[in-house]
Amino acid sequence: MSRLFAGTKFDRPPHCDRCDRPEDECTCPPPEPETIVRIAPEKQTARLAVEKRKMGKWVTVIRDLDAADLPDLLVRLKSKCGAGGSLQENAIEIQGRHLDRVR
């Protein structure tokens, strides 16, 4: 990958964050990969609510689920409810009153 100022007087080779040596001379061990602990969907408890928004529009809101599961669940719920929806601050919002379909 080329750097923005490569070949100019402002060019600085990248340095290691831990030892502050150039990356070519760094002897630090590679960082250990972070282990992600996933909670099984059966063990998660969702909070469901129907909220009234601007212009009297209703929105079904699903909260308290694992953030990694939300994008896939959003696609499935939008298809099942036949409505639009979005992810907002670790919550799923489905347009309309679809509490019975979401359960």
PDB file of N, CA and C in Angstrom:
ATOM      1  N   MET A   1       0.850  -1.168   0.000  1.00  0.00           N
ATOM      2  CA  MET A   1       0.000   0.000   0.000  1.00  0.00           C
ATOM      3  C   MET A   1       0.898   1.234   0.000  1.00  0.00           C
ATOM      4  N   SER A   2       0.645   2.175  -0.862  1.00  0.00           N
ATOM      5  CA  SER A   2       1.463   3.382  -0.936  1.00  0.00           C
ATOM      6  C   SER A   2       0.960   4.414   0.067  1.00  0.00           C
ATOM      7  N   ARG A   3       1.889   5.183   0.562  1.00  0.00           N
ATOM      8  CA  ARG A   3       1.543   6.222   1.522  1.00  0.00           C
ATOM      9  C   ARG A   3       1.270   7.520   0.784  1.00  0.00           C
ATOM     10  N   LEU A   4       0.574   8.424   1.411  1.00  0.00           N
ATOM     11  CA  LEU A   4       0.164   9.673   0.792  1.00  0.00           C
ATOM     12  C   LEU A   4       1.355  10.525   0.368  1.00  0.00           C
ATOM     13  N   PHE A   5       2.368  10.617   1.218  1.00  0.00           N
ATOM     14  CA  PHE A   5       3.516  11.485   0.932  1.00  0.00           C
ATOM     15  C   PHE A   5       4.748  10.693   0.500  1.00  0.00           C
ATOM     16  N   ALA A   6       4.582   9.496  -0.019  1.00  0.00           N
ATOM     17  CA  ALA A   6       5.720   8.659  -0.415  1.00  0.00           C
ATOM     18  C   ALA A   6       6.556   9.379  -1.468  1.00  0.00           C
ATOM     19  N   GLY A   7       7.877   9.434  -1.239  1.00  0.00           N
ATOM     20  CA  GLY A   7       8.797  10.049  -2.184  1.00  0.00           C
ATOM     21  C   GLY A   7       8.961  11.546  -2.015  1.00  0.00           C
ATOM     22  N   THR A   8       8.297  12.148  -1.043  1.00  0.00           N
ATOM     23  CA  THR A   8       8.439  13.586  -0.817  1.00  0.00           C
ATOM     24  C   THR A   8       9.229  13.815   0.466  1.00  0.00           C
ATOM     25  N   LYS A   9       9.510  15.068   0.776  1.00  0.00           N
ATOM     26  CA  LYS A   9      10.257  15.364   2.001  1.00  0.00           C
ATOM     27  C   LYS A   9       9.409  15.117   3.257  1.00  0.00           C
ATOM     28  N   PHE A  10       8.094  14.959   3.083  1.00  0.00           N
ATOM     29  CA  PHE A  10       7.207  14.701   4.220  1.00  0.00           C
ATOM     30  C   PHE A  10       6.994  13.210   4.468  1.00  0.00           C
ATOM     31  N   ASP A  11       7.634  12.360   3.670  1.00  0.00           N
ATOM     32  CA  ASP A  11       7.453  10.914   3.777  1.00  0.00           C
ATOM     33  C   ASP A  11       8.062  10.402   5.078  1.00  0.00           C
ATOM     34  N   ARG A  12       7.267   9.698   5.871  1.00  0.00           N
ATOM     35  CA  ARG A  12       7.735   9.048   7.088  1.00  0.00           C
ATOM     36  C   ARG A  12       7.278   7.602   7.032  1.00  0.00           C
ATOM     37  N   PRO A  13       8.191   6.660   7.170  1.00  0.00           N
ATOM     38  CA  PRO A  13       7.765   5.260   7.145  1.00  0.00           C
ATOM     39  C   PRO A  13       6.917   4.956   8.381  1.00  0.00           C
ATOM     40  N   PRO A  14       5.990   4.031   8.270  1.00  0.00           N
ATOM     41  CA  PRO A  14       5.134   3.711   9.418  1.00  0.00           C
ATOM     42  C   PRO A  14       5.942   3.098  10.560  1.00  0.00           C
ATOM     43  N   HIS A  15       5.549   3.429  11.789  1.00  0.00           N
ATOM     44  CA  HIS A  15       6.219   2.944  12.989  1.00  0.00           C
ATOM     45  C   HIS A  15       5.282   2.034  13.774  1.00  0.00           C
ATOM     46  N   CYS A  16       5.909   1.132  14.534  1.00  0.00           N
ATOM     47  CA  CYS A  16       5.163   0.226  15.403  1.00  0.00           C
ATOM     48  C   CYS A  16       4.557   1.033  16.557  1.00  0.00           C
ATOM     49  N   ASP A  17       3.334   0.718  16.931  1.00  0.00           N
ATOM     50  CA  ASP A  17       2.668   1.429  18.027  1.00  0.00           C
ATOM     51  C   ASP A  17       3.250   1.059  19.389  1.00  0.00           C
ATOM     52  N   ARG A  18       3.815  -0.144  19.514  1.00  0.00           N
ATOM     53  CA  ARG A  18       4.303  -0.603  20.810  1.00  0.00           C
ATOM     54  C   ARG A  18       5.757  -0.216  21.071  1.00  0.00           C
ATOM     55  N   CYS A  19       6.653  -0.418  20.073  1.00  0.00           N
ATOM     56  CA  CYS A  19       8.077  -0.153  20.316  1.00  0.00           C
ATOM     57  C   CYS A  19       8.566   1.118  19.628  1.00  0.00           C
ATOM     58  N   ASP A  20       7.765   1.734  18.798  1.00  0.00           N
ATOM     59  CA  ASP A  20       8.063   2.984  18.098  1.00  0.00           C
ATOM     60  C   ASP A  20       9.247   2.872  17.129  1.00  0.00           C
ATOM     61  N   ARG A  21       9.567   1.656  16.696  1.00  0.00           N
ATOM     62  CA  ARG A  21      10.581   1.452  15.660  1.00  0.00           C
ATOM     63  C   ARG A  21       9.878   1.422  14.302  1.00  0.00           C
ATOM     64  N   PRO A  22      10.640   1.635  13.220  1.00  0.00           N
ATOM     65  CA  PRO A  22      10.019   1.455  11.897  1.00  0.00           C
ATOM     66  C   PRO A  22       9.498   0.020  11.764  1.00  0.00           C
ATOM     67  N   GLU A  23       8.424  -0.165  11.030  1.00  0.00           N
ATOM     68  CA  GLU A  23       7.804  -1.484  10.935  1.00  0.00           C
ATOM     69  C   GLU A  23       8.755  -2.531  10.365  1.00  0.00           C
ATOM     70  N   ASP A  24       9.714  -2.122   9.535  1.00  0.00           N
ATOM     71  CA  ASP A  24      10.683  -3.070   8.982  1.00  0.00           C
ATOM     72  C   ASP A  24      11.613  -3.622  10.065  1.00  0.00           C
ATOM     73  N   GLU A  25      11.889  -2.835  11.115  1.00  0.00           N
ATOM     74  CA  GLU A  25      12.815  -3.227  12.173  1.00  0.00           C
ATOM     75  C   GLU A  25      12.108  -3.725  13.430  1.00  0.00           C
ATOM     76  N   CYS A  26      10.824  -3.714  13.461  1.00  0.00           N
ATOM     77  CA  CYS A  26      10.054  -4.092  14.652  1.00  0.00           C
ATOM     78  C   CYS A  26      10.240  -5.575  14.964  1.00  0.00           C
ATOM     79  N   THR A  27      10.442  -5.880  16.253  1.00  0.00           N
ATOM     80  CA  THR A  27      10.589  -7.266  16.688  1.00  0.00           C
ATOM     81  C   THR A  27       9.475  -7.672  17.645  1.00  0.00           C
ATOM     82  N   CYS A  28       8.454  -6.866  17.764  1.00  0.00           N
ATOM     83  CA  CYS A  28       7.330  -7.177  18.650  1.00  0.00           C
ATOM     84  C   CYS A  28       6.570  -8.386  18.108  1.00  0.00           C
ATOM     85  N   PRO A  29       6.071  -9.245  19.001  1.00  0.00           N
ATOM     86  CA  PRO A  29       5.257 -10.362  18.522  1.00  0.00           C
ATOM     87  C   PRO A  29       3.941  -9.829  17.958  1.00  0.00           C
ATOM     88  N   PRO A  30       3.364 -10.518  16.996  1.00  0.00           N
ATOM     89  CA  PRO A  30       2.099 -10.039  16.433  1.00  0.00           C
ATOM     90  C   PRO A  30       1.001 -10.044  17.493  1.00  0.00           C
ATOM     91  N   PRO A  31       0.083  -9.109  17.424  1.00  0.00           N
ATOM     92  CA  PRO A  31      -0.986  -9.069  18.423  1.00  0.00           C
ATOM     93  C   PRO A  31      -1.875 -10.304  18.296  1.00  0.00           C
ATOM     94  N   GLU A  32      -2.347 -10.768  19.442  1.00  0.00           N
ATOM     95  CA  GLU A  32      -3.230 -11.932  19.439  1.00  0.00           C
ATOM     96  C   GLU A  32      -4.601 -11.511  18.935  1.00  0.00           C
ATOM     97  N   PRO A  33      -5.213 -12.337  18.111  1.00  0.00           N
ATOM     98  CA  PRO A  33      -6.543 -11.981  17.605  1.00  0.00           C
ATOM     99  C   PRO A  33      -7.559 -11.955  18.743  1.00  0.00           C
ATOM    100  N   GLU A  34      -8.466 -11.009  18.648  1.00  0.00           N
ATOM    101  CA  GLU A  34      -9.495 -10.885  19.673  1.00  0.00           C
ATOM    102  C   GLU A  34     -10.510 -12.002  19.499  1.00  0.00           C
ATOM    103  N   THR A  35     -10.853 -12.624  20.604  1.00  0.00           N
ATOM    104  CA  THR A  35     -11.864 -13.673  20.536  1.00  0.00           C
ATOM    105  C   THR A  35     -13.229 -13.035  20.743  1.00  0.00           C
ATOM    106  N   ILE A  36     -14.128 -13.359  19.863  1.00  0.00           N
ATOM    107  CA  ILE A  36     -15.474 -12.808  19.927  1.00  0.00           C
ATOM    108  C   ILE A  36     -16.390 -13.851  20.553  1.00  0.00           C
ATOM    109  N   VAL A  37     -17.016 -13.471  21.644  1.00  0.00           N
ATOM    110  CA  VAL A  37     -17.939 -14.369  22.317  1.00  0.00           C
ATOM    111  C   VAL A  37     -19.338 -14.077  21.793  1.00  0.00           C
ATOM    112  N   ARG A  38     -19.923 -15.068  21.142  1.00  0.00           N
ATOM    113  CA  ARG A  38     -21.259 -14.911  20.575  1.00  0.00           C
ATOM    114  C   ARG A  38     -22.266 -15.583  21.494  1.00  0.00           C
ATOM    115  N   ILE A  39     -23.375 -14.931  21.691  1.00  0.00           N
ATOM    116  CA  ILE A  39     -24.468 -15.488  22.476  1.00  0.00           C
ATOM    117  C   ILE A  39     -25.431 -16.144  21.503  1.00  0.00           C
ATOM    118  N   ALA A  40     -25.829 -17.355  21.809  1.00  0.00           N
ATOM    119  CA  ALA A  40     -26.754 -18.078  20.935  1.00  0.00           C
ATOM    120  C   ALA A  40     -28.070 -17.309  20.839  1.00  0.00           C
ATOM    121  N   PRO A  41     -28.685 -17.266  19.657  1.00  0.00           N
ATOM    122  CA  PRO A  41     -29.946 -16.532  19.508  1.00  0.00           C
ATOM    123  C   PRO A  41     -31.037 -16.998  20.474  1.00  0.00           C
ATOM    124  N   GLU A  42     -31.033 -18.283  20.830  1.00  0.00           N
ATOM    125  CA  GLU A  42     -32.055 -18.793  21.752  1.00  0.00           C
ATOM    126  C   GLU A  42     -31.905 -18.219  23.157  1.00  0.00           C
ATOM    127  N   LYS A  43     -30.700 -17.793  23.512  1.00  0.00           N
ATOM    128  CA  LYS A  43     -30.446 -17.281  24.860  1.00  0.00           C
ATOM    129  C   LYS A  43     -30.569 -15.765  24.954  1.00  0.00           C
ATOM    130  N   GLN A  44     -30.838 -15.095  23.845  1.00  0.00           N
ATOM    131  CA  GLN A  44     -30.991 -13.645  23.857  1.00  0.00           C
ATOM    132  C   GLN A  44     -32.456 -13.289  24.104  1.00  0.00           C
ATOM    133  N   THR A  45     -32.672 -12.204  24.807  1.00  0.00           N
ATOM    134  CA  THR A  45     -34.022 -11.716  25.063  1.00  0.00           C
ATOM    135  C   THR A  45     -34.157 -10.338  24.433  1.00  0.00           C
ATOM    136  N   ALA A  46     -35.123 -10.216  23.550  1.00  0.00           N
ATOM    137  CA  ALA A  46     -35.345  -8.944  22.859  1.00  0.00           C
ATOM    138  C   ALA A  46     -36.450  -8.166  23.552  1.00  0.00           C
ATOM    139  N   ARG A  47     -36.335  -6.848  23.511  1.00  0.00           N
ATOM    140  CA  ARG A  47     -37.399  -5.972  23.998  1.00  0.00           C
ATOM    141  C   ARG A  47     -38.111  -5.418  22.781  1.00  0.00           C
ATOM    142  N   LEU A  48     -39.407  -5.646  22.696  1.00  0.00           N
ATOM    143  CA  LEU A  48     -40.212  -5.191  21.570  1.00  0.00           C
ATOM    144  C   LEU A  48     -41.080  -4.030  22.011  1.00  0.00           C
ATOM    145  N   ALA A  49     -41.238  -3.060  21.133  1.00  0.00           N
ATOM    146  CA  ALA A  49     -42.081  -1.904  21.435  1.00  0.00           C
ATOM    147  C   ALA A  49     -42.637  -1.343  20.139  1.00  0.00           C
ATOM    148  N   VAL A  50     -43.789  -0.703  20.254  1.00  0.00           N
ATOM    149  CA  VAL A  50     -44.371   0.027  19.132  1.00  0.00           C
ATOM    150  C   VAL A  50     -44.401   1.484  19.553  1.00  0.00           C
ATOM    151  N   GLU A  51     -43.774   2.343  18.750  1.00  0.00           N
ATOM    152  CA  GLU A  51     -43.672   3.761  19.087  1.00  0.00           C
ATOM    153  C   GLU A  51     -44.318   4.599  17.999  1.00  0.00           C
ATOM    154  N   LYS A  52     -44.890   5.708  18.414  1.00  0.00           N
ATOM    155  CA  LYS A  52     -45.493   6.638  17.470  1.00  0.00           C
ATOM    156  C   LYS A  52     -44.482   7.730  17.166  1.00  0.00           C
ATOM    157  N   ARG A  53     -44.254   7.975  15.894  1.00  0.00           N
ATOM    158  CA  ARG A  53     -43.267   8.948  15.457  1.00  0.00           C
ATOM    159  C   ARG A  53     -43.942  10.155  14.824  1.00  0.00           C
ATOM    160  N   LYS A  54     -43.152  10.957  14.130  1.00  0.00           N
ATOM    161  CA  LYS A  54     -43.661  12.164  13.483  1.00  0.00           C
ATOM    162  C   LYS A  54     -44.814  11.840  12.545  1.00  0.00           C
ATOM    163  N   MET A  55     -45.708  12.771  12.421  1.00  0.00           N
ATOM    164  CA  MET A  55     -46.839  12.674  11.500  1.00  0.00           C
ATOM    165  C   MET A  55     -47.725  11.464  11.793  1.00  0.00           C
ATOM    166  N   GLY A  56     -47.696  10.966  13.026  1.00  0.00           N
ATOM    167  CA  GLY A  56     -48.562   9.863  13.412  1.00  0.00           C
ATOM    168  C   GLY A  56     -48.154   8.510  12.864  1.00  0.00           C
ATOM    169  N   LYS A  57     -46.919   8.354  12.420  1.00  0.00           N
ATOM    170  CA  LYS A  57     -46.446   7.083  11.872  1.00  0.00           C
ATOM    171  C   LYS A  57     -46.019   6.158  13.004  1.00  0.00           C
ATOM    172  N   TRP A  58     -46.347   4.859  12.870  1.00  0.00           N
ATOM    173  CA  TRP A  58     -45.990   3.867  13.868  1.00  0.00           C
ATOM    174  C   TRP A  58     -44.724   3.130  13.442  1.00  0.00           C
ATOM    175  N   VAL A  59     -43.896   2.783  14.432  1.00  0.00           N
ATOM    176  CA  VAL A  59     -42.648   2.064  14.189  1.00  0.00           C
ATOM    177  C   VAL A  59     -42.529   0.951  15.225  1.00  0.00           C
ATOM    178  N   THR A  60     -42.217  -0.262  14.764  1.00  0.00           N
ATOM    179  CA  THR A  60     -41.951  -1.382  15.658  1.00  0.00           C
ATOM    180  C   THR A  60     -40.451  -1.402  15.933  1.00  0.00           C
ATOM    181  N   VAL A  61     -40.071  -1.390  17.219  1.00  0.00           N
ATOM    182  CA  VAL A  61     -38.663  -1.301  17.612  1.00  0.00           C
ATOM    183  C   VAL A  61     -38.262  -2.572  18.357  1.00  0.00           C
ATOM    184  N   ILE A  62     -37.133  -3.159  17.955  1.00  0.00           N
ATOM    185  CA  ILE A  62     -36.587  -4.349  18.599  1.00  0.00           C
ATOM    186  C   ILE A  62     -35.233  -3.975  19.173  1.00  0.00           C
ATOM    187  N   ARG A  63     -35.066  -4.152  20.504  1.00  0.00           N
ATOM    188  CA  ARG A  63     -33.828  -3.761  21.192  1.00  0.00           C
ATOM    189  C   ARG A  63     -33.239  -4.938  21.964  1.00  0.00           C
ATOM    190  N   ASP A  64     -32.038  -4.718  22.489  1.00  0.00           N
ATOM    191  CA  ASP A  64     -31.336  -5.639  23.392  1.00  0.00           C
ATOM    192  C   ASP A  64     -30.945  -6.961  22.752  1.00  0.00           C
ATOM    193  N   LEU A  65     -30.576  -6.937  21.478  1.00  0.00           N
ATOM    194  CA  LEU A  65     -30.032  -8.119  20.824  1.00  0.00           C
ATOM    195  C   LEU A  65     -28.566  -7.875  20.502  1.00  0.00           C
ATOM    196  N   ASP A  66     -27.828  -8.942  20.262  1.00  0.00           N
ATOM    197  CA  ASP A  66     -26.413  -8.845  19.917  1.00  0.00           C
ATOM    198  C   ASP A  66     -26.254  -8.055  18.622  1.00  0.00           C
ATOM    199  N   ALA A  67     -25.370  -7.079  18.621  1.00  0.00           N
ATOM    200  CA  ALA A  67     -25.200  -6.199  17.460  1.00  0.00           C
ATOM    201  C   ALA A  67     -24.757  -6.955  16.212  1.00  0.00           C
ATOM    202  N   ALA A  68     -24.057  -8.071  16.375  1.00  0.00           N
ATOM    203  CA  ALA A  68     -23.599  -8.836  15.214  1.00  0.00           C
ATOM    204  C   ALA A  68     -24.757  -9.520  14.494  1.00  0.00           C
ATOM    205  N   ASP A  69     -25.853  -9.785  15.200  1.00  0.00           N
ATOM    206  CA  ASP A  69     -27.000 -10.472  14.601  1.00  0.00           C
ATOM    207  C   ASP A  69     -27.991  -9.515  13.950  1.00  0.00           C
ATOM    208  N   LEU A  70     -27.878  -8.232  14.212  1.00  0.00           N
ATOM    209  CA  LEU A  70     -28.898  -7.284  13.763  1.00  0.00           C
ATOM    210  C   LEU A  70     -29.030  -7.147  12.248  1.00  0.00           C
ATOM    211  N   PRO A  71     -27.953  -7.013  11.469  1.00  0.00           N
ATOM    212  CA  PRO A  71     -28.146  -6.824  10.022  1.00  0.00           C
ATOM    213  C   PRO A  71     -28.896  -7.972   9.352  1.00  0.00           C
ATOM    214  N   ASP A  72     -28.561  -9.218   9.697  1.00  0.00           N
ATOM    215  CA  ASP A  72     -29.239 -10.367   9.104  1.00  0.00           C
ATOM    216  C   ASP A  72     -30.700 -10.418   9.544  1.00  0.00           C
ATOM    217  N   LEU A  73     -30.940 -10.153  10.823  1.00  0.00           N
ATOM    218  CA  LEU A  73     -32.310 -10.165  11.333  1.00  0.00           C
ATOM    219  C   LEU A  73     -33.143  -9.064  10.697  1.00  0.00           C
ATOM    220  N   LEU A  74     -32.552  -7.907  10.455  1.00  0.00           N
ATOM    221  CA  LEU A  74     -33.268  -6.804   9.814  1.00  0.00           C
ATOM    222  C   LEU A  74     -33.779  -7.216   8.441  1.00  0.00           C
ATOM    223  N   VAL A  75     -32.937  -7.860   7.653  1.00  0.00           N
ATOM    224  CA  VAL A  75     -33.341  -8.292   6.311  1.00  0.00           C
ATOM    225  C   VAL A  75     -34.503  -9.273   6.399  1.00  0.00           C
ATOM    226  N   ARG A  76     -34.413 -10.226   7.323  1.00  0.00           N
ATOM    227  CA  ARG A  76     -35.482 -11.226   7.462  1.00  0.00           C
ATOM    228  C   ARG A  76     -36.790 -10.595   7.926  1.00  0.00           C
ATOM    229  N   LEU A  77     -36.722  -9.664   8.873  1.00  0.00           N
ATOM    230  CA  LEU A  77     -37.945  -9.040   9.383  1.00  0.00           C
ATOM    231  C   LEU A  77     -38.593  -8.130   8.349  1.00  0.00           C
ATOM    232  N   LYS A  78     -37.792  -7.395   7.597  1.00  0.00           N
ATOM    233  CA  LYS A  78     -38.358  -6.534   6.555  1.00  0.00           C
ATOM    234  C   LYS A  78     -39.098  -7.372   5.523  1.00  0.00           C
ATOM    235  N   SER A  79     -38.544  -8.510   5.177  1.00  0.00           N
ATOM    236  CA  SER A  79     -39.189  -9.394   4.207  1.00  0.00           C
ATOM    237  C   SER A  79     -40.466  -9.996   4.788  1.00  0.00           C
ATOM    238  N   LYS A  80     -40.410 -10.439   6.031  1.00  0.00           N
ATOM    239  CA  LYS A  80     -41.570 -11.070   6.665  1.00  0.00           C
ATOM    240  C   LYS A  80     -42.710 -10.076   6.865  1.00  0.00           C
ATOM    241  N   CYS A  81     -42.379  -8.845   7.235  1.00  0.00           N
ATOM    242  CA  CYS A  81     -43.407  -7.835   7.500  1.00  0.00           C
ATOM    243  C   CYS A  81     -43.842  -7.111   6.232  1.00  0.00           C
ATOM    244  N   GLY A  82     -43.055  -7.193   5.184  1.00  0.00           N
ATOM    245  CA  GLY A  82     -43.381  -6.475   3.958  1.00  0.00           C
ATOM    246  C   GLY A  82     -43.325  -4.973   4.152  1.00  0.00           C
ATOM    247  N   ALA A  83     -42.339  -4.530   4.908  1.00  0.00           N
ATOM    248  CA  ALA A  83     -42.227  -3.102   5.227  1.00  0.00           C
ATOM    249  C   ALA A  83     -40.760  -2.696   5.215  1.00  0.00           C
ATOM    250  N   GLY A  84     -40.522  -1.403   5.224  1.00  0.00           N
ATOM    251  CA  GLY A  84     -39.168  -0.877   5.301  1.00  0.00           C
ATOM    252  C   GLY A  84     -38.674  -0.903   6.729  1.00  0.00           C
ATOM    253  N   GLY A  85     -37.395  -0.710   6.889  1.00  0.00           N
ATOM    254  CA  GLY A  85     -36.831  -0.693   8.225  1.00  0.00           C
ATOM    255  C   GLY A  85     -35.382  -0.265   8.180  1.00  0.00           C
ATOM    256  N   SER A  86     -34.803  -0.067   9.367  1.00  0.00           N
ATOM    257  CA  SER A  86     -33.409   0.362   9.440  1.00  0.00           C
ATOM    258  C   SER A  86     -32.814  -0.016  10.785  1.00  0.00           C
ATOM    259  N   LEU A  87     -31.477   0.083  10.866  1.00  0.00           N
ATOM    260  CA  LEU A  87     -30.758  -0.098  12.123  1.00  0.00           C
ATOM    261  C   LEU A  87     -30.502   1.272  12.721  1.00  0.00           C
ATOM    262  N   GLN A  88     -30.886   1.462  13.962  1.00  0.00           N
ATOM    263  CA  GLN A  88     -30.684   2.735  14.650  1.00  0.00           C
ATOM    264  C   GLN A  88     -30.146   2.465  16.048  1.00  0.00           C
ATOM    265  N   GLU A  89     -28.896   2.816  16.304  1.00  0.00           N
ATOM    266  CA  GLU A  89     -28.295   2.720  17.639  1.00  0.00           C
ATOM    267  C   GLU A  89     -28.537   1.361  18.288  1.00  0.00           C
ATOM    268  N   ASN A  90     -28.080   0.287  17.671  1.00  0.00           N
ATOM    269  CA  ASN A  90     -28.217  -1.081  18.177  1.00  0.00           C
ATOM    270  C   ASN A  90     -29.666  -1.495  18.383  1.00  0.00           C
ATOM    271  N   ALA A  91     -30.548  -0.994  17.557  1.00  0.00           N
ATOM    272  CA  ALA A  91     -31.953  -1.385  17.572  1.00  0.00           C
ATOM    273  C   ALA A  91     -32.435  -1.493  16.130  1.00  0.00           C
ATOM    274  N   ILE A  92     -33.419  -2.345  15.926  1.00  0.00           N
ATOM    275  CA  ILE A  92     -34.033  -2.489  14.611  1.00  0.00           C
ATOM    276  C   ILE A  92     -35.349  -1.740  14.641  1.00  0.00           C
ATOM    277  N   GLU A  93     -35.597  -0.939  13.614  1.00  0.00           N
ATOM    278  CA  GLU A  93     -36.865  -0.233  13.485  1.00  0.00           C
ATOM    279  C   GLU A  93     -37.541  -0.689  12.201  1.00  0.00           C
ATOM    280  N   ILE A  94     -38.764  -1.203  12.335  1.00  0.00           N
ATOM    281  CA  ILE A  94     -39.566  -1.635  11.198  1.00  0.00           C
ATOM    282  C   ILE A  94     -40.737  -0.670  11.082  1.00  0.00           C
ATOM    283  N   GLN A  95     -40.976  -0.157   9.894  1.00  0.00           N
ATOM    284  CA  GLN A  95     -42.052   0.809   9.692  1.00  0.00           C
ATOM    285  C   GLN A  95     -43.408   0.118   9.824  1.00  0.00           C
ATOM    286  N   GLY A  96     -44.250   0.671  10.679  1.00  0.00           N
ATOM    287  CA  GLY A  96     -45.599   0.146  10.862  1.00  0.00           C
ATOM    288  C   GLY A  96     -45.744  -0.631  12.160  1.00  0.00           C
ATOM    289  N   ARG A  97     -46.987  -1.067  12.432  1.00  0.00           N
ATOM    290  CA  ARG A  97     -47.292  -1.832  13.642  1.00  0.00           C
ATOM    291  C   ARG A  97     -47.232  -3.317  13.289  1.00  0.00           C
ATOM    292  N   HIS A  98     -46.105  -3.952  13.574  1.00  0.00           N
ATOM    293  CA  HIS A  98     -45.894  -5.351  13.208  1.00  0.00           C
ATOM    294  C   HIS A  98     -45.504  -6.190  14.415  1.00  0.00           C
ATOM    295  N   LEU A  99     -46.001  -5.845  15.579  1.00  0.00           N
ATOM    296  CA  LEU A  99     -45.620  -6.544  16.795  1.00  0.00           C
ATOM    297  C   LEU A  99     -45.987  -8.024  16.730  1.00  0.00           C
ATOM    298  N   ASP A 100     -47.169  -8.342  16.189  1.00  0.00           N
ATOM    299  CA  ASP A 100     -47.593  -9.741  16.122  1.00  0.00           C
ATOM    300  C   ASP A 100     -46.736 -10.546  15.149  1.00  0.00           C
ATOM    301  N   ARG A 101     -46.276  -9.958  14.070  1.00  0.00           N
ATOM    302  CA  ARG A 101     -45.436 -10.669  13.099  1.00  0.00           C
ATOM    303  C   ARG A 101     -44.007 -10.832  13.597  1.00  0.00           C
ATOM    304  N   VAL A 102     -43.527  -9.894  14.376  1.00  0.00           N
ATOM    305  CA  VAL A 102     -42.153  -9.931  14.864  1.00  0.00           C
ATOM    306  C   VAL A 102     -41.984 -10.995  15.946  1.00  0.00           C
ATOM    307  N   ARG A 103     -42.999 -11.212  16.744  1.00  0.00           N
ATOM    308  CA  ARG A 103     -42.905 -12.196  17.827  1.00  0.00           C
ATOM    309  C   ARG A 103     -42.701 -13.548  17.245  1.00  0.00           C
TER     310      ARG A 103
END
